[in-house]
N, C-alpha and C. Protein backbone atom coordinates (compact mmCIF):
# COMPACT_ATOMS: atom_id res chain seq x y z
N MET A 1 -0.10 82.17 -8.95
CA MET A 1 -0.81 80.93 -9.22
C MET A 1 -0.10 79.79 -8.50
N GLN A 2 -0.85 79.04 -7.75
CA GLN A 2 -0.33 77.86 -7.06
C GLN A 2 -0.23 76.72 -8.07
N ALA A 3 0.89 76.04 -8.08
CA ALA A 3 1.06 74.89 -8.97
C ALA A 3 0.26 73.71 -8.45
N PRO A 4 -0.45 73.01 -9.33
CA PRO A 4 -1.20 71.83 -8.90
C PRO A 4 -0.25 70.68 -8.61
N SER A 5 -0.74 69.69 -7.87
CA SER A 5 0.06 68.50 -7.63
C SER A 5 -0.39 67.41 -8.59
N GLY A 6 0.57 66.62 -9.08
CA GLY A 6 0.28 65.53 -9.99
C GLY A 6 0.60 65.89 -11.42
N GLN A 7 0.28 64.95 -12.34
CA GLN A 7 0.57 65.16 -13.76
C GLN A 7 -0.26 66.32 -14.27
N VAL A 8 0.37 67.19 -15.05
CA VAL A 8 -0.33 68.37 -15.56
C VAL A 8 -0.66 68.20 -17.03
N SER A 9 -1.79 68.75 -17.41
CA SER A 9 -2.24 68.71 -18.80
C SER A 9 -1.55 69.81 -19.59
N THR A 10 -1.72 69.77 -20.89
CA THR A 10 -1.13 70.80 -21.76
C THR A 10 -1.57 72.21 -21.35
N PRO A 11 -2.88 72.48 -21.18
CA PRO A 11 -3.28 73.84 -20.78
C PRO A 11 -2.69 74.25 -19.43
N ALA A 12 -2.66 73.30 -18.48
CA ALA A 12 -2.12 73.63 -17.16
C ALA A 12 -0.63 73.95 -17.23
N LEU A 13 0.12 73.18 -18.03
CA LEU A 13 1.55 73.45 -18.17
C LEU A 13 1.78 74.79 -18.86
N GLN A 14 1.02 75.06 -19.90
CA GLN A 14 1.14 76.37 -20.57
C GLN A 14 0.87 77.50 -19.60
N ALA A 15 -0.15 77.34 -18.76
CA ALA A 15 -0.48 78.38 -17.78
C ALA A 15 0.64 78.54 -16.75
N LEU A 16 1.22 77.42 -16.31
CA LEU A 16 2.31 77.50 -15.33
C LEU A 16 3.54 78.18 -15.92
N LEU A 17 3.84 77.87 -17.18
CA LEU A 17 5.00 78.49 -17.82
C LEU A 17 4.76 79.97 -18.09
N ARG A 18 3.61 80.29 -18.63
CA ARG A 18 3.31 81.71 -18.96
C ARG A 18 3.04 82.53 -17.71
N GLY A 19 2.47 81.89 -16.69
CA GLY A 19 2.12 82.60 -15.47
C GLY A 19 3.28 82.78 -14.52
N GLN A 20 4.43 82.35 -14.92
CA GLN A 20 5.67 82.51 -14.17
C GLN A 20 5.72 81.74 -12.86
N THR A 21 4.80 80.79 -12.68
CA THR A 21 4.81 79.98 -11.47
C THR A 21 6.09 79.17 -11.35
N LEU A 22 6.59 78.69 -12.47
CA LEU A 22 7.79 77.85 -12.46
C LEU A 22 9.07 78.63 -12.73
N THR A 23 8.97 79.94 -12.89
CA THR A 23 10.14 80.77 -13.18
C THR A 23 11.18 80.62 -12.08
N GLY A 24 12.42 80.47 -12.52
CA GLY A 24 13.52 80.38 -11.57
C GLY A 24 14.49 79.28 -11.92
N ASP A 25 15.39 79.03 -11.00
CA ASP A 25 16.44 78.02 -11.19
C ASP A 25 16.04 76.74 -10.48
N TRP A 26 16.37 75.61 -11.14
CA TRP A 26 16.00 74.29 -10.66
C TRP A 26 17.23 73.39 -10.67
N MET A 27 17.31 72.47 -9.73
CA MET A 27 18.43 71.54 -9.63
C MET A 27 17.89 70.11 -9.71
N LEU A 28 18.56 69.27 -10.47
CA LEU A 28 18.19 67.86 -10.54
C LEU A 28 18.52 67.20 -9.20
N ASP A 29 17.58 66.46 -8.66
CA ASP A 29 17.80 65.71 -7.43
C ASP A 29 18.31 64.32 -7.82
N PRO A 30 19.61 64.05 -7.71
CA PRO A 30 20.16 62.77 -8.17
C PRO A 30 19.69 61.57 -7.35
N ARG A 31 19.28 61.78 -6.10
CA ARG A 31 18.80 60.67 -5.28
C ARG A 31 17.42 60.20 -5.73
N SER A 32 16.62 61.11 -6.26
CA SER A 32 15.26 60.77 -6.67
C SER A 32 15.14 60.52 -8.17
N SER A 33 16.16 60.83 -8.93
CA SER A 33 16.14 60.71 -10.39
C SER A 33 16.84 59.44 -10.84
N SER A 34 16.50 58.99 -12.05
CA SER A 34 17.19 57.82 -12.60
C SER A 34 17.19 57.87 -14.12
N ILE A 35 18.23 57.31 -14.68
CA ILE A 35 18.31 57.11 -16.13
C ILE A 35 18.70 55.65 -16.33
N ARG A 36 17.78 54.93 -16.95
CA ARG A 36 17.95 53.49 -17.16
C ARG A 36 18.14 53.21 -18.65
N LEU A 37 18.93 52.20 -18.92
CA LEU A 37 19.27 51.80 -20.29
C LEU A 37 18.80 50.37 -20.51
N LYS A 38 18.18 50.14 -21.67
CA LYS A 38 17.80 48.77 -22.04
C LYS A 38 18.20 48.56 -23.48
N SER A 39 18.86 47.45 -23.72
CA SER A 39 19.27 47.08 -25.07
C SER A 39 19.07 45.58 -25.19
N LYS A 40 19.07 45.09 -26.41
CA LYS A 40 18.89 43.65 -26.60
C LYS A 40 20.13 43.05 -27.24
N VAL A 41 20.42 41.83 -26.83
CA VAL A 41 21.52 41.04 -27.40
C VAL A 41 20.87 39.87 -28.13
N MET A 42 21.38 39.57 -29.29
CA MET A 42 20.84 38.50 -30.13
C MET A 42 19.38 38.77 -30.50
N GLY A 43 18.96 40.04 -30.41
CA GLY A 43 17.61 40.41 -30.78
C GLY A 43 16.54 40.00 -29.80
N LEU A 44 16.92 39.27 -28.76
CA LEU A 44 15.92 38.74 -27.84
C LEU A 44 16.17 39.06 -26.37
N ILE A 45 17.41 38.92 -25.95
CA ILE A 45 17.73 39.00 -24.54
C ILE A 45 17.93 40.46 -24.13
N PRO A 46 17.05 40.98 -23.27
CA PRO A 46 17.23 42.36 -22.84
C PRO A 46 18.34 42.50 -21.81
N VAL A 47 19.14 43.53 -21.98
CA VAL A 47 20.17 43.88 -21.01
C VAL A 47 19.74 45.20 -20.39
N HIS A 48 19.63 45.21 -19.07
CA HIS A 48 19.19 46.40 -18.35
C HIS A 48 20.37 47.00 -17.60
N GLY A 49 20.41 48.32 -17.56
CA GLY A 49 21.44 49.01 -16.80
C GLY A 49 20.91 50.31 -16.25
N VAL A 50 21.64 50.86 -15.33
CA VAL A 50 21.29 52.16 -14.76
C VAL A 50 22.58 52.97 -14.62
N PHE A 51 22.48 54.25 -14.88
CA PHE A 51 23.61 55.15 -14.65
C PHE A 51 23.51 55.64 -13.22
N ARG A 52 24.54 55.39 -12.43
CA ARG A 52 24.52 55.70 -10.99
C ARG A 52 24.86 57.15 -10.67
N GLU A 53 25.46 57.88 -11.62
CA GLU A 53 25.84 59.27 -11.36
C GLU A 53 25.23 60.19 -12.41
N ILE A 54 24.25 60.99 -11.98
CA ILE A 54 23.63 61.98 -12.86
C ILE A 54 23.53 63.30 -12.12
N THR A 55 23.72 64.38 -12.86
CA THR A 55 23.58 65.72 -12.31
C THR A 55 22.82 66.57 -13.32
N GLY A 56 22.35 67.71 -12.88
CA GLY A 56 21.67 68.58 -13.81
C GLY A 56 21.12 69.82 -13.14
N ALA A 57 20.78 70.78 -13.98
CA ALA A 57 20.19 72.02 -13.53
C ALA A 57 19.44 72.64 -14.69
N GLY A 58 18.49 73.48 -14.38
CA GLY A 58 17.73 74.16 -15.43
C GLY A 58 17.19 75.48 -14.95
N THR A 59 16.73 76.25 -15.91
CA THR A 59 16.14 77.55 -15.62
C THR A 59 14.86 77.70 -16.42
N VAL A 60 13.82 78.18 -15.77
CA VAL A 60 12.59 78.57 -16.45
C VAL A 60 12.58 80.08 -16.45
N ARG A 61 12.60 80.66 -17.65
CA ARG A 61 12.64 82.12 -17.78
C ARG A 61 11.23 82.72 -17.60
N PRO A 62 11.13 84.00 -17.29
CA PRO A 62 9.83 84.64 -17.12
C PRO A 62 8.92 84.53 -18.36
N ASP A 63 9.52 84.40 -19.56
CA ASP A 63 8.70 84.26 -20.77
C ASP A 63 8.23 82.83 -20.99
N GLY A 64 8.56 81.91 -20.06
CA GLY A 64 8.14 80.51 -20.17
C GLY A 64 9.15 79.64 -20.89
N GLY A 65 10.20 80.23 -21.44
CA GLY A 65 11.25 79.44 -22.08
C GLY A 65 12.09 78.72 -21.05
N ILE A 66 12.77 77.68 -21.49
CA ILE A 66 13.61 76.91 -20.57
C ILE A 66 14.99 76.69 -21.15
N SER A 67 15.91 76.39 -20.28
CA SER A 67 17.24 75.93 -20.66
C SER A 67 17.73 75.05 -19.52
N GLY A 68 18.57 74.10 -19.87
CA GLY A 68 19.07 73.24 -18.82
C GLY A 68 19.98 72.16 -19.37
N THR A 69 20.63 71.46 -18.46
CA THR A 69 21.55 70.41 -18.83
C THR A 69 21.43 69.25 -17.84
N VAL A 70 21.45 68.04 -18.39
CA VAL A 70 21.53 66.83 -17.58
C VAL A 70 22.80 66.11 -18.02
N THR A 71 23.64 65.74 -17.06
CA THR A 71 24.91 65.09 -17.34
C THR A 71 24.95 63.72 -16.66
N VAL A 72 25.38 62.72 -17.44
CA VAL A 72 25.46 61.35 -16.96
C VAL A 72 26.93 60.93 -17.02
N ALA A 73 27.45 60.40 -15.93
CA ALA A 73 28.82 59.88 -15.92
C ALA A 73 28.82 58.50 -16.59
N THR A 74 29.52 58.38 -17.71
CA THR A 74 29.51 57.11 -18.46
C THR A 74 30.09 55.96 -17.65
N ALA A 75 31.07 56.24 -16.81
CA ALA A 75 31.69 55.18 -16.01
C ALA A 75 30.76 54.65 -14.93
N SER A 76 29.63 55.33 -14.72
CA SER A 76 28.70 54.90 -13.66
C SER A 76 27.69 53.87 -14.13
N ILE A 77 27.83 53.37 -15.38
CA ILE A 77 26.90 52.37 -15.88
C ILE A 77 26.97 51.11 -15.01
N ASP A 78 25.82 50.58 -14.66
CA ASP A 78 25.75 49.38 -13.82
C ASP A 78 24.68 48.46 -14.40
N THR A 79 25.11 47.35 -14.99
CA THR A 79 24.19 46.36 -15.55
C THR A 79 24.08 45.13 -14.66
N GLY A 80 24.81 45.15 -13.54
CA GLY A 80 24.81 44.00 -12.67
C GLY A 80 25.80 42.92 -13.09
N ASN A 81 26.62 43.23 -14.11
CA ASN A 81 27.62 42.28 -14.60
C ASN A 81 28.94 43.05 -14.74
N THR A 82 29.86 42.84 -13.84
CA THR A 82 31.11 43.61 -13.81
C THR A 82 31.87 43.52 -15.12
N ARG A 83 31.95 42.35 -15.69
CA ARG A 83 32.69 42.18 -16.96
C ARG A 83 32.04 43.01 -18.08
N ARG A 84 30.72 42.95 -18.18
CA ARG A 84 30.01 43.73 -19.20
C ARG A 84 30.18 45.23 -18.94
N ASP A 85 30.05 45.65 -17.68
CA ASP A 85 30.20 47.07 -17.34
C ASP A 85 31.58 47.58 -17.72
N THR A 86 32.61 46.78 -17.45
CA THR A 86 33.98 47.15 -17.81
C THR A 86 34.09 47.32 -19.32
N HIS A 87 33.50 46.41 -20.08
CA HIS A 87 33.53 46.50 -21.55
C HIS A 87 32.77 47.73 -22.03
N LEU A 88 31.64 48.05 -21.43
CA LEU A 88 30.87 49.23 -21.83
C LEU A 88 31.66 50.53 -21.61
N ARG A 89 32.59 50.53 -20.68
CA ARG A 89 33.40 51.72 -20.40
C ARG A 89 34.57 51.88 -21.37
N THR A 90 34.86 50.84 -22.17
CA THR A 90 36.00 50.88 -23.09
C THR A 90 35.66 51.66 -24.36
N ALA A 91 36.68 51.79 -25.22
CA ALA A 91 36.51 52.50 -26.50
C ALA A 91 35.52 51.80 -27.42
N ASP A 92 35.19 50.54 -27.17
CA ASP A 92 34.17 49.85 -27.98
C ASP A 92 32.80 50.51 -27.81
N PHE A 93 32.56 51.10 -26.64
CA PHE A 93 31.26 51.71 -26.36
C PHE A 93 31.42 53.16 -25.89
N PHE A 94 31.31 53.40 -24.58
CA PHE A 94 31.29 54.78 -24.08
C PHE A 94 32.65 55.46 -24.07
N ASP A 95 33.73 54.72 -24.05
CA ASP A 95 35.08 55.29 -24.01
C ASP A 95 35.18 56.28 -22.84
N SER A 96 34.84 55.79 -21.67
CA SER A 96 34.76 56.64 -20.47
C SER A 96 36.04 57.41 -20.17
N GLY A 97 37.19 56.86 -20.50
CA GLY A 97 38.45 57.55 -20.23
C GLY A 97 38.58 58.84 -21.03
N ASN A 98 38.11 58.84 -22.27
CA ASN A 98 38.19 60.03 -23.12
C ASN A 98 36.89 60.83 -23.15
N HIS A 99 35.78 60.18 -22.85
CA HIS A 99 34.47 60.85 -22.90
C HIS A 99 33.71 60.49 -21.62
N PRO A 100 34.04 61.17 -20.53
CA PRO A 100 33.48 60.78 -19.24
C PRO A 100 31.99 61.07 -19.07
N ASP A 101 31.42 61.91 -19.93
CA ASP A 101 30.03 62.31 -19.74
C ASP A 101 29.19 62.16 -20.99
N ILE A 102 27.92 61.88 -20.77
CA ILE A 102 26.87 62.01 -21.77
C ILE A 102 26.08 63.23 -21.32
N THR A 103 25.78 64.15 -22.24
CA THR A 103 25.12 65.38 -21.86
C THR A 103 23.90 65.64 -22.74
N PHE A 104 22.79 65.98 -22.11
CA PHE A 104 21.62 66.48 -22.83
C PHE A 104 21.44 67.93 -22.44
N THR A 105 21.45 68.80 -23.44
CA THR A 105 21.25 70.22 -23.22
C THR A 105 19.89 70.60 -23.78
N ALA A 106 18.98 70.99 -22.91
CA ALA A 106 17.62 71.35 -23.32
C ALA A 106 17.55 72.82 -23.67
N GLY A 107 16.80 73.12 -24.73
CA GLY A 107 16.67 74.50 -25.15
C GLY A 107 15.24 74.98 -25.30
N ASP A 108 14.27 74.04 -25.25
CA ASP A 108 12.87 74.43 -25.44
C ASP A 108 11.95 73.38 -24.85
N ILE A 109 10.78 73.82 -24.45
CA ILE A 109 9.73 72.90 -24.01
C ILE A 109 8.43 73.40 -24.63
N ARG A 110 7.68 72.45 -25.18
CA ARG A 110 6.42 72.80 -25.83
C ARG A 110 5.38 71.77 -25.43
N PRO A 111 4.34 72.21 -24.73
CA PRO A 111 3.27 71.28 -24.40
C PRO A 111 2.60 70.77 -25.69
N ALA A 112 2.32 69.46 -25.73
CA ALA A 112 1.70 68.86 -26.91
C ALA A 112 0.88 67.65 -26.46
N GLY A 113 -0.41 67.75 -26.53
CA GLY A 113 -1.26 66.65 -26.11
C GLY A 113 -1.09 66.36 -24.64
N GLN A 114 -0.83 65.11 -24.30
CA GLN A 114 -0.67 64.71 -22.90
C GLN A 114 0.78 64.80 -22.42
N VAL A 115 1.69 65.29 -23.26
CA VAL A 115 3.10 65.37 -22.91
C VAL A 115 3.64 66.77 -23.18
N ALA A 116 4.87 66.96 -22.78
CA ALA A 116 5.62 68.16 -23.16
C ALA A 116 6.79 67.67 -24.01
N VAL A 117 7.01 68.32 -25.13
CA VAL A 117 8.13 67.97 -25.99
C VAL A 117 9.32 68.84 -25.57
N VAL A 118 10.35 68.19 -25.06
CA VAL A 118 11.57 68.87 -24.66
C VAL A 118 12.57 68.67 -25.79
N THR A 119 13.05 69.77 -26.36
CA THR A 119 14.00 69.66 -27.47
C THR A 119 15.35 70.20 -27.03
N GLY A 120 16.37 69.60 -27.61
CA GLY A 120 17.72 70.01 -27.28
C GLY A 120 18.72 69.21 -28.07
N ALA A 121 19.86 68.96 -27.46
CA ALA A 121 20.94 68.24 -28.12
C ALA A 121 21.55 67.22 -27.16
N LEU A 122 21.81 66.02 -27.70
CA LEU A 122 22.43 64.96 -26.93
C LEU A 122 23.86 64.79 -27.42
N THR A 123 24.82 64.78 -26.48
CA THR A 123 26.22 64.59 -26.82
C THR A 123 26.72 63.31 -26.17
N VAL A 124 27.21 62.41 -27.03
CA VAL A 124 27.78 61.14 -26.60
C VAL A 124 29.09 60.97 -27.36
N ARG A 125 30.17 60.66 -26.64
CA ARG A 125 31.49 60.45 -27.25
C ARG A 125 31.90 61.63 -28.14
N GLY A 126 31.57 62.85 -27.71
CA GLY A 126 31.97 64.05 -28.44
C GLY A 126 31.13 64.34 -29.67
N GLN A 127 30.12 63.55 -29.94
CA GLN A 127 29.26 63.77 -31.09
C GLN A 127 27.89 64.26 -30.61
N THR A 128 27.45 65.36 -31.18
CA THR A 128 26.20 65.99 -30.75
C THR A 128 25.15 65.84 -31.84
N ARG A 129 23.96 65.43 -31.43
CA ARG A 129 22.83 65.27 -32.34
C ARG A 129 21.60 65.91 -31.70
N PRO A 130 20.71 66.48 -32.53
CA PRO A 130 19.46 67.01 -31.98
C PRO A 130 18.61 65.88 -31.41
N LEU A 131 17.86 66.19 -30.36
CA LEU A 131 17.00 65.19 -29.75
C LEU A 131 15.75 65.86 -29.19
N SER A 132 14.61 65.27 -29.50
CA SER A 132 13.34 65.70 -28.91
C SER A 132 12.82 64.55 -28.07
N VAL A 133 12.35 64.87 -26.89
CA VAL A 133 11.88 63.88 -25.93
C VAL A 133 10.46 64.24 -25.52
N ASP A 134 9.55 63.28 -25.65
CA ASP A 134 8.18 63.46 -25.16
C ASP A 134 8.16 63.07 -23.69
N ALA A 135 7.87 64.03 -22.82
CA ALA A 135 7.93 63.78 -21.38
C ALA A 135 6.59 64.07 -20.72
N ALA A 136 6.18 63.16 -19.85
CA ALA A 136 5.05 63.43 -18.97
C ALA A 136 5.57 64.36 -17.88
N VAL A 137 4.82 65.40 -17.58
CA VAL A 137 5.25 66.38 -16.58
C VAL A 137 4.32 66.31 -15.39
N SER A 138 4.92 66.21 -14.20
CA SER A 138 4.15 66.26 -12.95
C SER A 138 4.74 67.37 -12.11
N VAL A 139 3.87 68.05 -11.39
CA VAL A 139 4.29 69.14 -10.51
C VAL A 139 3.82 68.82 -9.11
N GLN A 140 4.72 68.98 -8.16
CA GLN A 140 4.40 68.76 -6.75
C GLN A 140 4.53 70.09 -6.03
N GLY A 141 3.43 70.81 -5.93
CA GLY A 141 3.44 72.14 -5.31
C GLY A 141 4.29 73.09 -6.14
N ASP A 142 4.97 74.00 -5.46
CA ASP A 142 5.81 74.99 -6.15
C ASP A 142 7.29 74.63 -6.13
N ALA A 143 7.64 73.47 -5.57
CA ALA A 143 9.06 73.20 -5.35
C ALA A 143 9.59 71.96 -6.05
N GLU A 144 8.75 71.23 -6.81
CA GLU A 144 9.24 70.01 -7.43
C GLU A 144 8.53 69.77 -8.77
N VAL A 145 9.35 69.50 -9.80
CA VAL A 145 8.84 69.17 -11.12
C VAL A 145 9.45 67.84 -11.53
N LEU A 146 8.62 66.91 -12.01
CA LEU A 146 9.07 65.59 -12.43
C LEU A 146 8.84 65.44 -13.92
N LEU A 147 9.84 64.92 -14.61
CA LEU A 147 9.73 64.62 -16.03
C LEU A 147 10.00 63.12 -16.20
N ASP A 148 9.06 62.45 -16.88
CA ASP A 148 9.21 61.02 -17.14
C ASP A 148 9.13 60.79 -18.64
N ALA A 149 10.12 60.09 -19.18
CA ALA A 149 10.18 59.89 -20.63
C ALA A 149 10.87 58.58 -20.96
N THR A 150 10.54 58.08 -22.13
CA THR A 150 11.22 56.95 -22.72
C THR A 150 11.62 57.37 -24.12
N VAL A 151 12.88 57.14 -24.48
CA VAL A 151 13.37 57.58 -25.79
C VAL A 151 14.27 56.49 -26.39
N GLN A 152 14.13 56.31 -27.69
CA GLN A 152 14.96 55.37 -28.43
C GLN A 152 16.18 56.11 -28.97
N ILE A 153 17.35 55.52 -28.80
CA ILE A 153 18.60 56.11 -29.27
C ILE A 153 19.29 55.11 -30.20
N ASN A 154 19.68 55.58 -31.38
CA ASN A 154 20.48 54.75 -32.28
C ASN A 154 21.93 55.01 -31.91
N ARG A 155 22.57 54.04 -31.29
CA ARG A 155 23.92 54.26 -30.79
C ARG A 155 24.93 54.49 -31.90
N ALA A 156 24.65 54.02 -33.10
CA ALA A 156 25.55 54.25 -34.24
C ALA A 156 25.63 55.74 -34.59
N ASP A 157 24.57 56.49 -34.28
CA ASP A 157 24.59 57.94 -34.52
C ASP A 157 25.70 58.64 -33.74
N PHE A 158 26.18 57.98 -32.70
CA PHE A 158 27.19 58.56 -31.83
C PHE A 158 28.52 57.80 -31.88
N GLY A 159 28.68 56.99 -32.89
CA GLY A 159 29.93 56.27 -33.07
C GLY A 159 30.07 55.01 -32.24
N LEU A 160 29.00 54.56 -31.60
CA LEU A 160 29.04 53.32 -30.82
C LEU A 160 28.60 52.19 -31.74
N THR A 161 29.55 51.69 -32.52
CA THR A 161 29.22 50.74 -33.58
C THR A 161 29.72 49.33 -33.31
N TRP A 162 30.41 49.10 -32.19
CA TRP A 162 30.92 47.76 -31.91
C TRP A 162 29.73 46.80 -31.86
N ASN A 163 29.85 45.70 -32.58
CA ASN A 163 28.76 44.74 -32.63
C ASN A 163 29.30 43.41 -33.17
N VAL A 164 29.91 42.66 -32.32
CA VAL A 164 30.51 41.40 -32.75
C VAL A 164 29.42 40.47 -33.28
N LEU A 165 29.61 39.99 -34.49
CA LEU A 165 28.69 39.08 -35.16
C LEU A 165 27.27 39.63 -35.34
N GLY A 166 27.10 40.94 -35.16
CA GLY A 166 25.79 41.54 -35.34
C GLY A 166 24.77 41.11 -34.31
N LEU A 167 25.22 40.73 -33.13
CA LEU A 167 24.31 40.20 -32.11
C LEU A 167 23.70 41.27 -31.21
N ALA A 168 24.30 42.44 -31.15
CA ALA A 168 23.79 43.49 -30.28
C ALA A 168 22.90 44.44 -31.06
N ALA A 169 21.80 44.84 -30.45
CA ALA A 169 20.89 45.79 -31.10
C ALA A 169 21.56 47.14 -31.24
N VAL A 170 21.29 47.82 -32.34
CA VAL A 170 21.86 49.15 -32.55
C VAL A 170 21.02 50.22 -31.85
N THR A 171 19.78 49.88 -31.52
CA THR A 171 18.90 50.82 -30.83
C THR A 171 18.83 50.45 -29.36
N SER A 172 18.96 51.47 -28.52
CA SER A 172 18.83 51.30 -27.08
C SER A 172 17.70 52.18 -26.60
N THR A 173 17.07 51.78 -25.52
CA THR A 173 15.98 52.55 -24.93
C THR A 173 16.46 53.17 -23.62
N LEU A 174 16.26 54.47 -23.49
CA LEU A 174 16.55 55.17 -22.24
C LEU A 174 15.22 55.49 -21.56
N THR A 175 15.13 55.16 -20.29
CA THR A 175 13.97 55.52 -19.49
C THR A 175 14.44 56.55 -18.47
N ILE A 176 13.82 57.71 -18.52
CA ILE A 176 14.29 58.84 -17.73
C ILE A 176 13.23 59.24 -16.70
N HIS A 177 13.66 59.37 -15.47
CA HIS A 177 12.83 59.91 -14.40
C HIS A 177 13.65 61.03 -13.78
N ALA A 178 13.33 62.26 -14.13
CA ALA A 178 14.10 63.41 -13.67
C ALA A 178 13.27 64.23 -12.69
N VAL A 179 13.80 64.42 -11.51
CA VAL A 179 13.12 65.20 -10.49
C VAL A 179 13.93 66.47 -10.26
N PHE A 180 13.30 67.60 -10.53
CA PHE A 180 13.94 68.90 -10.34
C PHE A 180 13.31 69.60 -9.15
N THR A 181 14.17 70.17 -8.30
CA THR A 181 13.70 70.93 -7.14
C THR A 181 14.14 72.38 -7.28
N ARG A 182 13.31 73.26 -6.78
CA ARG A 182 13.59 74.71 -6.87
C ARG A 182 14.77 75.07 -5.98
N LEU A 183 15.65 75.90 -6.52
CA LEU A 183 16.79 76.37 -5.71
C LEU A 183 16.35 77.48 -4.79
């Protein structure tokens, strides 16, 4: 079965997974992928950032199951403000010296409506929590799969509780654009 180009519907994704079209090993393309962070200060002012170093790989098994990992270098955060970025790398936030990576380990994908639900575990600062992400899936021929998602993260769940005067939002939004290419 030839993979269609563009965003795929639930039936099409189920057929691609069951039909073994996507079976094999996949590598995250860091040049084409991005993970962006948005949080608010004082409840109003959005702070935007991007992680400059991301890696990842995954496998689609013949039975349609998946496994994979995406790793983000915490020290690669870039908000456009050197002083803020330096603070985000300290023990108040990411503690990059002791916890250099944020890792999402995927263990399942289930088509649902117009999205695919990717379930797994997110590890930040050595603390792991289950995470499900609703992702739009696009396929470009047989060699490229794109996942686009937005997910809310409660940073306190991972021990990121620094909040002077209660001015920083405890919830952050991650916008993920992951492009996987066939090995």
